[in-house]
Amino acid sequence: MSRAPSTHSRRQRQAKKEKQTRLVIVWAAGLLVLGMMGLLYVSLQSRNSAGSSSTVPVAAGPVQKGQPAPDFTLTTLDGNEATLSDYAGQVVVVNFWATWCPPCKAEMPDIHDYYQANQDKGLTVLAVNAQEDENTVSRFIESTGFTFPVLLDSQGKVEQQYQVRSFPSTFVIDRDGNVVYIHVGLITPDVLSSVIDPLL
């Protein structure tokens, strides 16, 4: 008579323990799955961010006066490569332009004249063309006789890097490589002189 209740209570305790063990296993498995999903998510996120940063150079924010000019390398119209940092120690005018842009074409003779008059003092003009094909740009430059370096931004990467929103846009960079002036729209000889003369 006394064995039955003790056997019954033993079975109840054993069943309770087995139930608790099953719950612990389920919880552990759930946490393991969640942890693996978290690791997978972090891995995918880091891979995506690494891929995007290596394919397209994007500035962290708008290029501003007083900050170092973002470096870039582009192919020139004559087939060579030009890198902005190669011109360290010179005053550099980076002019974003296009042949379809009337204000661009209107300001270029003045920019060229200023360049011709001051290149011996350490002035360089880099005319960065906005995503046009080489033949179009070449025909235009040959017809005008401009002699400053013309760079082909065929994929718009430097345009994006400098966050250019309209054409023409001009960035003046001092001998230390810092952006000292930004001009959106047609730039005049008076502005060129007032901004760049003190830097030469």
Protein backbone atom coordinates (compact mmCIF):
# COMPACT_ATOMS: atom_id res chain seq x y z
CA MET A 1 0.00 0.00 0.00
CA SER A 2 2.80 2.38 0.88
CA ARG A 3 4.73 1.75 -2.35
CA ALA A 4 2.05 2.96 -4.73
CA PRO A 5 1.95 6.59 -3.55
CA SER A 6 5.76 6.86 -3.45
CA THR A 7 6.07 5.35 -6.94
CA HIS A 8 3.38 7.71 -8.19
CA SER A 9 5.10 10.76 -6.70
CA ARG A 10 8.44 9.61 -8.08
CA ARG A 11 6.92 9.38 -11.56
CA GLN A 12 5.43 12.85 -11.17
CA ARG A 13 8.81 14.30 -10.18
CA GLN A 14 10.51 12.49 -13.05
CA ALA A 15 7.90 13.73 -15.53
CA LYS A 16 8.29 17.27 -14.19
CA LYS A 17 12.07 17.06 -14.57
CA GLU A 18 11.76 15.77 -18.14
CA LYS A 19 9.36 18.61 -18.96
CA GLN A 20 11.79 21.18 -17.53
CA THR A 21 14.68 19.58 -19.46
CA ARG A 22 12.67 19.79 -22.69
CA LEU A 23 11.87 23.47 -22.02
CA VAL A 24 15.56 24.23 -21.40
CA ILE A 25 16.51 22.47 -24.65
CA VAL A 26 13.84 24.39 -26.60
CA TRP A 27 14.98 27.70 -25.10
CA ALA A 28 18.65 26.92 -25.81
CA ALA A 29 17.86 25.95 -29.40
CA GLY A 30 15.83 29.13 -29.86
CA LEU A 31 18.62 31.32 -28.51
CA LEU A 32 21.13 29.53 -30.74
CA VAL A 33 18.98 30.15 -33.83
CA LEU A 34 18.52 33.82 -32.90
CA GLY A 35 22.26 34.21 -32.33
CA MET A 36 23.10 32.67 -35.70
CA MET A 37 20.54 34.90 -37.44
CA GLY A 38 22.11 37.95 -35.75
CA LEU A 39 25.59 36.94 -36.88
CA LEU A 40 24.36 36.38 -40.42
CA TYR A 41 22.69 39.81 -40.46
CA VAL A 42 25.83 41.58 -39.19
CA SER A 43 27.95 39.71 -41.74
CA LEU A 44 25.67 40.69 -44.63
CA GLN A 45 25.51 44.32 -43.49
CA SER A 46 29.30 44.64 -43.25
CA ARG A 47 29.74 42.98 -46.65
CA ASN A 48 27.25 45.38 -48.26
CA SER A 49 28.82 48.44 -46.70
CA ALA A 50 32.31 47.31 -47.71
CA GLY A 51 31.15 46.67 -51.27
CA SER A 52 29.46 50.03 -51.64
CA SER A 53 32.40 51.99 -50.27
CA SER A 54 34.87 50.28 -52.59
CA THR A 55 32.90 50.78 -55.79
CA VAL A 56 31.71 54.37 -55.49
CA PRO A 57 33.62 57.03 -53.60
CA VAL A 58 31.02 59.10 -51.83
CA ALA A 59 31.86 62.05 -49.63
CA ALA A 60 30.61 61.86 -46.04
CA GLY A 61 28.98 65.26 -46.50
CA PRO A 62 29.01 68.23 -48.86
CA VAL A 63 32.49 69.52 -49.76
CA GLN A 64 32.95 72.71 -47.76
CA LYS A 65 35.39 75.60 -47.60
CA GLY A 66 38.27 74.98 -45.24
CA GLN A 67 38.35 71.22 -45.60
CA PRO A 68 40.87 69.14 -47.57
CA ALA A 69 39.81 68.62 -51.17
CA PRO A 70 38.79 64.98 -51.82
CA ASP A 71 41.45 63.32 -53.95
CA PHE A 72 40.58 61.69 -57.28
CA THR A 73 42.15 60.20 -60.38
CA LEU A 74 40.68 60.55 -63.89
CA THR A 75 41.78 59.95 -67.45
CA THR A 76 42.74 63.07 -69.38
CA LEU A 77 41.60 63.83 -72.89
CA ASP A 78 45.04 62.87 -74.20
CA GLY A 79 44.84 59.42 -72.60
CA ASN A 80 46.99 59.97 -69.50
CA GLU A 81 45.91 59.85 -65.88
CA ALA A 82 45.69 62.91 -63.65
CA THR A 83 45.44 62.75 -59.86
CA LEU A 84 44.52 65.83 -57.85
CA SER A 85 47.18 65.16 -55.21
CA ASP A 86 49.85 65.23 -57.93
CA TYR A 87 49.31 69.01 -58.00
CA ALA A 88 50.10 69.49 -54.30
CA GLY A 89 51.88 72.80 -53.78
CA GLN A 90 49.97 74.49 -56.60
CA VAL A 91 46.74 76.46 -56.62
CA VAL A 92 44.19 74.28 -58.40
CA VAL A 93 40.90 75.28 -59.98
CA VAL A 94 38.62 72.25 -60.42
CA ASN A 95 35.89 73.22 -62.86
CA PHE A 96 32.96 70.85 -63.51
CA TRP A 97 31.48 71.52 -66.95
CA ALA A 98 29.71 70.04 -70.00
CA THR A 99 29.47 70.94 -73.69
CA TRP A 100 25.65 71.09 -73.45
CA CYS A 101 25.87 73.76 -70.73
CA PRO A 102 25.78 77.35 -72.12
CA PRO A 103 27.16 79.03 -68.96
CA CYS A 104 30.02 76.50 -68.95
CA LYS A 105 30.98 77.41 -72.49
CA ALA A 106 30.56 81.11 -71.75
CA GLU A 107 32.98 81.11 -68.79
CA MET A 108 35.66 78.84 -70.24
CA PRO A 109 37.46 81.51 -72.33
CA ASP A 110 37.86 83.65 -69.19
CA ILE A 111 39.09 80.67 -67.16
CA HIS A 112 41.53 79.81 -69.95
CA ASP A 113 42.83 83.39 -70.21
CA TYR A 114 43.35 83.53 -66.45
CA TYR A 115 45.10 80.15 -66.54
CA GLN A 116 47.40 81.25 -69.38
CA ALA A 117 48.34 84.42 -67.51
CA ASN A 118 49.06 82.69 -64.19
CA GLN A 119 50.22 79.12 -64.81
CA ASP A 120 53.85 80.22 -64.37
CA LYS A 121 52.94 81.33 -60.83
CA GLY A 122 51.75 77.86 -59.89
CA LEU A 123 48.13 77.83 -61.10
CA THR A 124 46.53 74.70 -62.56
CA VAL A 125 43.04 74.32 -64.00
CA LEU A 126 41.49 70.85 -64.11
CA ALA A 127 38.40 70.95 -66.34
CA VAL A 128 36.33 67.92 -65.28
CA ASN A 129 33.80 67.01 -67.97
CA ALA A 130 30.46 65.66 -66.82
CA GLN A 131 29.82 62.19 -68.24
CA GLU A 132 30.13 62.98 -71.94
CA ASP A 133 31.80 60.74 -74.48
CA GLU A 134 35.41 61.39 -75.43
CA ASN A 135 34.66 62.33 -79.06
CA THR A 136 32.18 65.05 -78.08
CA VAL A 137 34.60 66.57 -75.57
CA SER A 138 37.57 66.26 -77.93
CA ARG A 139 35.76 68.05 -80.79
CA PHE A 140 34.78 70.90 -78.49
CA ILE A 141 38.26 71.37 -77.00
CA GLU A 142 39.92 71.21 -80.44
CA SER A 143 37.55 73.87 -81.75
CA THR A 144 38.34 76.22 -78.86
CA GLY A 145 42.09 75.68 -78.47
CA PHE A 146 41.95 75.48 -74.66
CA THR A 147 45.21 74.17 -73.23
CA PHE A 148 44.39 73.38 -69.60
CA PRO A 149 44.04 69.68 -68.68
CA VAL A 150 40.63 68.25 -69.54
CA LEU A 151 39.55 65.26 -67.45
CA LEU A 152 36.85 62.75 -68.36
CA ASP A 153 34.50 61.88 -65.48
CA SER A 154 32.72 59.33 -67.67
CA GLN A 155 30.87 57.59 -64.81
CA GLY A 156 30.20 60.72 -62.76
CA LYS A 157 32.13 59.42 -59.77
CA VAL A 158 34.03 62.64 -59.06
CA GLU A 159 30.89 64.66 -59.71
CA GLN A 160 29.21 62.55 -57.03
CA GLN A 161 32.26 62.73 -54.77
CA TYR A 162 32.13 66.54 -54.86
CA GLN A 163 28.31 66.48 -54.73
CA VAL A 164 27.96 68.72 -57.77
CA ARG A 165 24.30 69.60 -58.29
CA SER A 166 24.51 72.04 -61.21
CA PHE A 167 26.89 73.17 -63.92
CA PRO A 168 29.22 74.90 -64.01
CA SER A 169 30.61 74.41 -60.50
CA THR A 170 34.10 75.59 -59.57
CA PHE A 171 36.26 74.64 -56.58
CA VAL A 172 39.40 76.62 -55.77
CA ILE A 173 42.04 74.66 -53.83
CA ASP A 174 45.02 76.32 -52.17
CA ARG A 175 48.64 75.15 -52.10
CA ASP A 176 47.96 73.14 -48.94
CA GLY A 177 45.20 71.14 -50.65
CA ASN A 178 42.29 72.83 -48.89
CA VAL A 179 39.11 74.06 -50.55
CA VAL A 180 39.07 77.84 -50.13
CA TYR A 181 36.25 78.84 -52.49
CA ILE A 182 33.22 77.21 -54.13
CA HIS A 183 31.33 78.89 -56.96
CA VAL A 184 28.13 77.56 -58.53
CA GLY A 185 27.20 79.10 -61.87
CA LEU A 186 29.16 81.22 -64.32
CA ILE A 187 32.37 82.59 -62.78
CA THR A 188 33.67 85.99 -63.94
CA PRO A 189 37.25 87.25 -64.40
CA ASP A 190 36.77 89.62 -61.44
CA VAL A 191 35.84 86.74 -59.14
CA LEU A 192 38.76 84.66 -60.40
CA SER A 193 41.17 87.49 -59.69
CA SER A 194 39.78 88.41 -56.29
CA VAL A 195 39.79 84.79 -55.07
CA ILE A 196 42.94 83.38 -56.67
CA ASP A 197 45.39 86.30 -56.88
CA PRO A 198 46.03 86.32 -53.10
CA LEU A 199 46.81 82.57 -53.24
CA LEU A 200 49.47 82.82 -55.95
